[in-house]
Amino acid sequence: MDGVKDDGVVFQIAYVIIKAANSPRPGNWILERSIDGVTFDPWQYYAITDTECLTRFNINPSDRTSILHQR
């Protein structure tokens, strides 16, 4: 189950808003998640192009939906 655990309660994440302030947004990056606050696992991958997705993360862009649901 995807979510954030706090004192034995699991919360589902509905959406995430990330603001980059007055700096440029990074082109390729990974949003990670952690249940325990110590270990982190990739949750979503972001890339400028499909080619960048494949070369940077070794993920076929056409498989992105199935990858997100496996995590």
PDB file of N, CA and C in Angstrom:
ATOM      1  N   MET A   1       0.841  -1.176   0.000  1.00  0.00           N
ATOM      2  CA  MET A   1       0.000   0.000   0.000  1.00  0.00           C
ATOM      3  C   MET A   1       0.886   1.240   0.000  1.00  0.00           C
ATOM      4  N   ASP A   2       0.628   2.192  -0.909  1.00  0.00           N
ATOM      5  CA  ASP A   2       1.370   3.438  -0.934  1.00  0.00           C
ATOM      6  C   ASP A   2       0.827   4.351   0.146  1.00  0.00           C
ATOM      7  N   GLY A   3       1.710   5.000   0.851  1.00  0.00           N
ATOM      8  CA  GLY A   3       1.231   5.934   1.865  1.00  0.00           C
ATOM      9  C   GLY A   3       2.334   6.328   2.820  1.00  0.00           C
ATOM     10  N   VAL A   4       1.998   7.159   3.757  1.00  0.00           N
ATOM     11  CA  VAL A   4       2.934   7.624   4.771  1.00  0.00           C
ATOM     12  C   VAL A   4       2.478   7.070   6.104  1.00  0.00           C
ATOM     13  N   LYS A   5       3.412   6.458   6.828  1.00  0.00           N
ATOM     14  CA  LYS A   5       3.071   5.826   8.099  1.00  0.00           C
ATOM     15  C   LYS A   5       3.488   6.741   9.251  1.00  0.00           C
ATOM     16  N   ASP A   6       2.571   6.989  10.172  1.00  0.00           N
ATOM     17  CA  ASP A   6       2.835   7.840  11.315  1.00  0.00           C
ATOM     18  C   ASP A   6       2.123   7.253  12.520  1.00  0.00           C
ATOM     19  N   ASP A   7       2.872   6.765  13.495  1.00  0.00           N
ATOM     20  CA  ASP A   7       2.292   6.157  14.700  1.00  0.00           C
ATOM     21  C   ASP A   7       1.322   5.026  14.380  1.00  0.00           C
ATOM     22  N   GLY A   8       1.662   4.209  13.398  1.00  0.00           N
ATOM     23  CA  GLY A   8       0.827   3.066  13.053  1.00  0.00           C
ATOM     24  C   GLY A   8      -0.316   3.386  12.119  1.00  0.00           C
ATOM     25  N   VAL A   9      -0.483   4.655  11.751  1.00  0.00           N
ATOM     26  CA  VAL A   9      -1.556   5.055  10.837  1.00  0.00           C
ATOM     27  C   VAL A   9      -0.951   5.258   9.455  1.00  0.00           C
ATOM     28  N   VAL A  10      -1.602   4.742   8.422  1.00  0.00           N
ATOM     29  CA  VAL A  10      -1.113   4.907   7.055  1.00  0.00           C
ATOM     30  C   VAL A  10      -1.991   5.928   6.343  1.00  0.00           C
ATOM     31  N   PHE A  11      -1.362   6.946   5.762  1.00  0.00           N
ATOM     32  CA  PHE A  11      -2.073   7.987   5.026  1.00  0.00           C
ATOM     33  C   PHE A  11      -1.806   7.812   3.530  1.00  0.00           C
ATOM     34  N   GLN A  12      -2.830   7.893   2.718  1.00  0.00           N
ATOM     35  CA  GLN A  12      -2.687   7.852   1.272  1.00  0.00           C
ATOM     36  C   GLN A  12      -2.314   9.242   0.772  1.00  0.00           C
ATOM     37  N   ILE A  13      -1.424   9.296  -0.212  1.00  0.00           N
ATOM     38  CA  ILE A  13      -1.028  10.565  -0.807  1.00  0.00           C
ATOM     39  C   ILE A  13      -1.902  10.816  -2.025  1.00  0.00           C
ATOM     40  N   ALA A  14      -2.629  11.925  -2.020  1.00  0.00           N
ATOM     41  CA  ALA A  14      -3.525  12.258  -3.124  1.00  0.00           C
ATOM     42  C   ALA A  14      -2.778  13.007  -4.219  1.00  0.00           C
ATOM     43  N   TYR A  15      -1.913  13.957  -3.851  1.00  0.00           N
ATOM     44  CA  TYR A  15      -1.127  14.682  -4.837  1.00  0.00           C
ATOM     45  C   TYR A  15       0.069  15.313  -4.154  1.00  0.00           C
ATOM     46  N   VAL A  16       1.069  15.668  -4.963  1.00  0.00           N
ATOM     47  CA  VAL A  16       2.289  16.292  -4.470  1.00  0.00           C
ATOM     48  C   VAL A  16       2.507  17.570  -5.271  1.00  0.00           C
ATOM     49  N   ILE A  17       2.771  18.676  -4.585  1.00  0.00           N
ATOM     50  CA  ILE A  17       3.095  19.943  -5.240  1.00  0.00           C
ATOM     51  C   ILE A  17       4.540  20.272  -4.891  1.00  0.00           C
ATOM     52  N   ILE A  18       5.350  20.509  -5.913  1.00  0.00           N
ATOM     53  CA  ILE A  18       6.757  20.851  -5.702  1.00  0.00           C
ATOM     54  C   ILE A  18       7.014  22.197  -6.356  1.00  0.00           C
ATOM     55  N   LYS A  19       7.536  23.135  -5.583  1.00  0.00           N
ATOM     56  CA  LYS A  19       7.849  24.463  -6.104  1.00  0.00           C
ATOM     57  C   LYS A  19       9.363  24.626  -6.159  1.00  0.00           C
ATOM     58  N   ALA A  20       9.858  25.185  -7.259  1.00  0.00           N
ATOM     59  CA  ALA A  20      11.297  25.355  -7.455  1.00  0.00           C
ATOM     60  C   ALA A  20      11.758  26.781  -7.160  1.00  0.00           C
ATOM     61  N   ALA A  21      10.920  27.602  -6.569  1.00  0.00           N
ATOM     62  CA  ALA A  21      11.242  28.990  -6.205  1.00  0.00           C
ATOM     63  C   ALA A  21      11.699  29.767  -7.434  1.00  0.00           C
ATOM     64  N   ASN A  22      12.770  30.542  -7.299  1.00  0.00           N
ATOM     65  CA  ASN A  22      13.246  31.383  -8.400  1.00  0.00           C
ATOM     66  C   ASN A  22      14.366  30.722  -9.194  1.00  0.00           C
ATOM     67  N   SER A  23      14.480  29.423  -9.088  1.00  0.00           N
ATOM     68  CA  SER A  23      15.522  28.717  -9.826  1.00  0.00           C
ATOM     69  C   SER A  23      14.868  27.856 -10.913  1.00  0.00           C
ATOM     70  N   PRO A  24      15.647  27.473 -11.909  1.00  0.00           N
ATOM     71  CA  PRO A  24      15.080  26.607 -12.958  1.00  0.00           C
ATOM     72  C   PRO A  24      14.688  25.241 -12.404  1.00  0.00           C
ATOM     73  N   ARG A  25      13.653  24.695 -12.961  1.00  0.00           N
ATOM     74  CA  ARG A  25      13.213  23.355 -12.562  1.00  0.00           C
ATOM     75  C   ARG A  25      14.227  22.339 -13.078  1.00  0.00           C
ATOM     76  N   PRO A  26      14.594  21.351 -12.256  1.00  0.00           N
ATOM     77  CA  PRO A  26      15.517  20.321 -12.751  1.00  0.00           C
ATOM     78  C   PRO A  26      14.867  19.532 -13.887  1.00  0.00           C
ATOM     79  N   GLY A  27      15.672  19.163 -14.880  1.00  0.00           N
ATOM     80  CA  GLY A  27      15.143  18.450 -16.034  1.00  0.00           C
ATOM     81  C   GLY A  27      14.842  16.996 -15.749  1.00  0.00           C
ATOM     82  N   ASN A  28      15.777  16.292 -15.158  1.00  0.00           N
ATOM     83  CA  ASN A  28      15.624  14.866 -14.867  1.00  0.00           C
ATOM     84  C   ASN A  28      15.776  14.671 -13.366  1.00  0.00           C
ATOM     85  N   TRP A  29      14.767  14.049 -12.753  1.00  0.00           N
ATOM     86  CA  TRP A  29      14.850  13.838 -11.313  1.00  0.00           C
ATOM     87  C   TRP A  29      13.935  12.708 -10.890  1.00  0.00           C
ATOM     88  N   ILE A  30      14.161  12.246  -9.669  1.00  0.00           N
ATOM     89  CA  ILE A  30      13.393  11.127  -9.117  1.00  0.00           C
ATOM     90  C   ILE A  30      12.739  11.578  -7.820  1.00  0.00           C
ATOM     91  N   LEU A  31      11.453  11.345  -7.707  1.00  0.00           N
ATOM     92  CA  LEU A  31      10.734  11.576  -6.459  1.00  0.00           C
ATOM     93  C   LEU A  31      10.784  10.266  -5.680  1.00  0.00           C
ATOM     94  N   GLU A  32      11.349  10.319  -4.477  1.00  0.00           N
ATOM     95  CA  GLU A  32      11.497   9.109  -3.665  1.00  0.00           C
ATOM     96  C   GLU A  32      10.528   9.133  -2.493  1.00  0.00           C
ATOM     97  N   ARG A  33      10.264   7.962  -1.943  1.00  0.00           N
ATOM     98  CA  ARG A  33       9.379   7.856  -0.780  1.00  0.00           C
ATOM     99  C   ARG A  33      10.038   6.980   0.282  1.00  0.00           C
ATOM    100  N   SER A  34       9.603   7.175   1.514  1.00  0.00           N
ATOM    101  CA  SER A  34      10.123   6.391   2.621  1.00  0.00           C
ATOM    102  C   SER A  34       9.011   6.142   3.626  1.00  0.00           C
ATOM    103  N   ILE A  35       8.943   4.944   4.121  1.00  0.00           N
ATOM    104  CA  ILE A  35       7.981   4.616   5.170  1.00  0.00           C
ATOM    105  C   ILE A  35       8.597   4.863   6.547  1.00  0.00           C
ATOM    106  N   ASP A  36       9.898   4.582   6.677  1.00  0.00           N
ATOM    107  CA  ASP A  36      10.556   4.698   7.981  1.00  0.00           C
ATOM    108  C   ASP A  36      11.372   5.984   8.149  1.00  0.00           C
ATOM    109  N   GLY A  37      11.525   6.792   7.103  1.00  0.00           N
ATOM    110  CA  GLY A  37      12.309   8.013   7.180  1.00  0.00           C
ATOM    111  C   GLY A  37      13.800   7.789   7.091  1.00  0.00           C
ATOM    112  N   VAL A  38      14.233   6.541   6.908  1.00  0.00           N
ATOM    113  CA  VAL A  38      15.653   6.207   6.825  1.00  0.00           C
ATOM    114  C   VAL A  38      16.002   5.691   5.429  1.00  0.00           C
ATOM    115  N   THR A  39      15.229   4.743   4.938  1.00  0.00           N
ATOM    116  CA  THR A  39      15.462   4.179   3.608  1.00  0.00           C
ATOM    117  C   THR A  39      14.465   4.787   2.628  1.00  0.00           C
ATOM    118  N   PHE A  40      14.950   5.101   1.434  1.00  0.00           N
ATOM    119  CA  PHE A  40      14.126   5.732   0.415  1.00  0.00           C
ATOM    120  C   PHE A  40      14.153   4.905  -0.861  1.00  0.00           C
ATOM    121  N   ASP A  41      13.009   4.803  -1.521  1.00  0.00           N
ATOM    122  CA  ASP A  41      12.870   4.078  -2.780  1.00  0.00           C
ATOM    123  C   ASP A  41      12.279   5.009  -3.824  1.00  0.00           C
ATOM    124  N   PRO A  42      12.686   4.857  -5.091  1.00  0.00           N
ATOM    125  CA  PRO A  42      12.092   5.674  -6.149  1.00  0.00           C
ATOM    126  C   PRO A  42      10.580   5.477  -6.197  1.00  0.00           C
ATOM    127  N   TRP A  43       9.856   6.575  -6.361  1.00  0.00           N
ATOM    128  CA  TRP A  43       8.399   6.522  -6.424  1.00  0.00           C
ATOM    129  C   TRP A  43       7.936   6.935  -7.814  1.00  0.00           C
ATOM    130  N   GLN A  44       8.484   8.051  -8.333  1.00  0.00           N
ATOM    131  CA  GLN A  44       8.164   8.506  -9.677  1.00  0.00           C
ATOM    132  C   GLN A  44       9.425   9.064 -10.316  1.00  0.00           C
ATOM    133  N   TYR A  45       9.527   8.858 -11.628  1.00  0.00           N
ATOM    134  CA  TYR A  45      10.663   9.353 -12.400  1.00  0.00           C
ATOM    135  C   TYR A  45      10.184  10.469 -13.318  1.00  0.00           C
ATOM    136  N   TYR A  46      11.004  11.523 -13.449  1.00  0.00           N
ATOM    137  CA  TYR A  46      10.682  12.640 -14.328  1.00  0.00           C
ATOM    138  C   TYR A  46      11.866  12.891 -15.251  1.00  0.00           C
ATOM    139  N   ALA A  47      11.591  13.018 -16.543  1.00  0.00           N
ATOM    140  CA  ALA A  47      12.641  13.263 -17.529  1.00  0.00           C
ATOM    141  C   ALA A  47      12.129  14.244 -18.577  1.00  0.00           C
ATOM    142  N   ILE A  48      13.064  14.978 -19.175  1.00  0.00           N
ATOM    143  CA  ILE A  48      12.714  15.969 -20.188  1.00  0.00           C
ATOM    144  C   ILE A  48      12.132  15.291 -21.430  1.00  0.00           C
ATOM    145  N   THR A  49      12.765  14.198 -21.861  1.00  0.00           N
ATOM    146  CA  THR A  49      12.327  13.495 -23.067  1.00  0.00           C
ATOM    147  C   THR A  49      12.294  11.994 -22.804  1.00  0.00           C
ATOM    148  N   ASP A  50      11.688  11.262 -23.712  1.00  0.00           N
ATOM    149  CA  ASP A  50      11.682   9.804 -23.608  1.00  0.00           C
ATOM    150  C   ASP A  50      13.094   9.248 -23.672  1.00  0.00           C
ATOM    151  N   THR A  51      13.949   9.854 -24.496  1.00  0.00           N
ATOM    152  CA  THR A  51      15.347   9.403 -24.599  1.00  0.00           C
ATOM    153  C   THR A  51      16.076   9.593 -23.279  1.00  0.00           C
ATOM    154  N   GLU A  52      15.872  10.735 -22.641  1.00  0.00           N
ATOM    155  CA  GLU A  52      16.486  10.987 -21.332  1.00  0.00           C
ATOM    156  C   GLU A  52      15.999   9.975 -20.296  1.00  0.00           C
ATOM    157  N   CYS A  53      14.733   9.627 -20.354  1.00  0.00           N
ATOM    158  CA  CYS A  53      14.172   8.634 -19.431  1.00  0.00           C
ATOM    159  C   CYS A  53      14.908   7.305 -19.570  1.00  0.00           C
ATOM    160  N   LEU A  54      15.142   6.909 -20.804  1.00  0.00           N
ATOM    161  CA  LEU A  54      15.814   5.635 -21.064  1.00  0.00           C
ATOM    162  C   LEU A  54      17.290   5.694 -20.685  1.00  0.00           C
ATOM    163  N   THR A  55      17.983   6.776 -21.046  1.00  0.00           N
ATOM    164  CA  THR A  55      19.418   6.836 -20.776  1.00  0.00           C
ATOM    165  C   THR A  55      19.740   7.130 -19.315  1.00  0.00           C
ATOM    166  N   ARG A  56      18.968   7.986 -18.665  1.00  0.00           N
ATOM    167  CA  ARG A  56      19.255   8.356 -17.273  1.00  0.00           C
ATOM    168  C   ARG A  56      18.773   7.320 -16.259  1.00  0.00           C
ATOM    169  N   PHE A  57      17.570   6.771 -16.504  1.00  0.00           N
ATOM    170  CA  PHE A  57      16.952   5.895 -15.513  1.00  0.00           C
ATOM    171  C   PHE A  57      16.838   4.449 -15.964  1.00  0.00           C
ATOM    172  N   ASN A  58      17.216   4.179 -17.217  1.00  0.00           N
ATOM    173  CA  ASN A  58      17.112   2.831 -17.783  1.00  0.00           C
ATOM    174  C   ASN A  58      15.671   2.308 -17.721  1.00  0.00           C
ATOM    175  N   ILE A  59      14.733   3.217 -18.001  1.00  0.00           N
ATOM    176  CA  ILE A  59      13.317   2.874 -17.993  1.00  0.00           C
ATOM    177  C   ILE A  59      12.751   3.197 -19.367  1.00  0.00           C
ATOM    178  N   ASN A  60      12.077   2.240 -19.956  1.00  0.00           N
ATOM    179  CA  ASN A  60      11.415   2.466 -21.231  1.00  0.00           C
ATOM    180  C   ASN A  60      10.207   3.365 -20.977  1.00  0.00           C
ATOM    181  N   PRO A  61      10.149   4.549 -21.585  1.00  0.00           N
ATOM    182  CA  PRO A  61       9.048   5.490 -21.307  1.00  0.00           C
ATOM    183  C   PRO A  61       7.660   4.904 -21.560  1.00  0.00           C
ATOM    184  N   SER A  62       7.541   3.969 -22.466  1.00  0.00           N
ATOM    185  CA  SER A  62       6.222   3.383 -22.732  1.00  0.00           C
ATOM    186  C   SER A  62       5.762   2.503 -21.574  1.00  0.00           C
ATOM    187  N   ASP A  63       6.669   2.132 -20.674  1.00  0.00           N
ATOM    188  CA  ASP A  63       6.344   1.284 -19.523  1.00  0.00           C
ATOM    189  C   ASP A  63       6.103   2.092 -18.250  1.00  0.00           C
ATOM    190  N   ARG A  64       6.075   3.400 -18.342  1.00  0.00           N
ATOM    191  CA  ARG A  64       6.042   4.236 -17.134  1.00  0.00           C
ATOM    192  C   ARG A  64       4.851   3.962 -16.230  1.00  0.00           C
ATOM    193  N   THR A  65       3.683   3.663 -16.780  1.00  0.00           N
ATOM    194  CA  THR A  65       2.512   3.388 -15.938  1.00  0.00           C
ATOM    195  C   THR A  65       2.695   2.122 -15.138  1.00  0.00           C
ATOM    196  N   SER A  66       3.184   1.076 -15.771  1.00  0.00           N
ATOM    197  CA  SER A  66       3.362  -0.195 -15.048  1.00  0.00           C
ATOM    198  C   SER A  66       4.471  -0.082 -13.999  1.00  0.00           C
ATOM    199  N   ILE A  67       5.493   0.736 -14.267  1.00  0.00           N
ATOM    200  CA  ILE A  67       6.583   0.900 -13.309  1.00  0.00           C
ATOM    201  C   ILE A  67       6.070   1.592 -12.051  1.00  0.00           C
ATOM    202  N   LEU A  68       5.253   2.634 -12.213  1.00  0.00           N
ATOM    203  CA  LEU A  68       4.749   3.358 -11.044  1.00  0.00           C
ATOM    204  C   LEU A  68       3.881   2.457 -10.178  1.00  0.00           C
ATOM    205  N   HIS A  69       3.134   1.547 -10.784  1.00  0.00           N
ATOM    206  CA  HIS A  69       2.261   0.682 -10.010  1.00  0.00           C
ATOM    207  C   HIS A  69       3.015  -0.469  -9.342  1.00  0.00           C
ATOM    208  N   GLN A  70       4.236  -0.775  -9.811  1.00  0.00           N
ATOM    209  CA  GLN A  70       5.030  -1.847  -9.201  1.00  0.00           C
ATOM    210  C   GLN A  70       5.677  -1.382  -7.916  1.00  0.00           C
ATOM    211  N   ARG A  71       5.954  -0.119  -7.763  1.00  0.00           N
ATOM    212  CA  ARG A  71       6.701   0.401  -6.624  1.00  0.00           C
ATOM    213  C   ARG A  71       5.868   0.401  -5.363  1.00  0.00           C
TER     214      ARG A  71
END
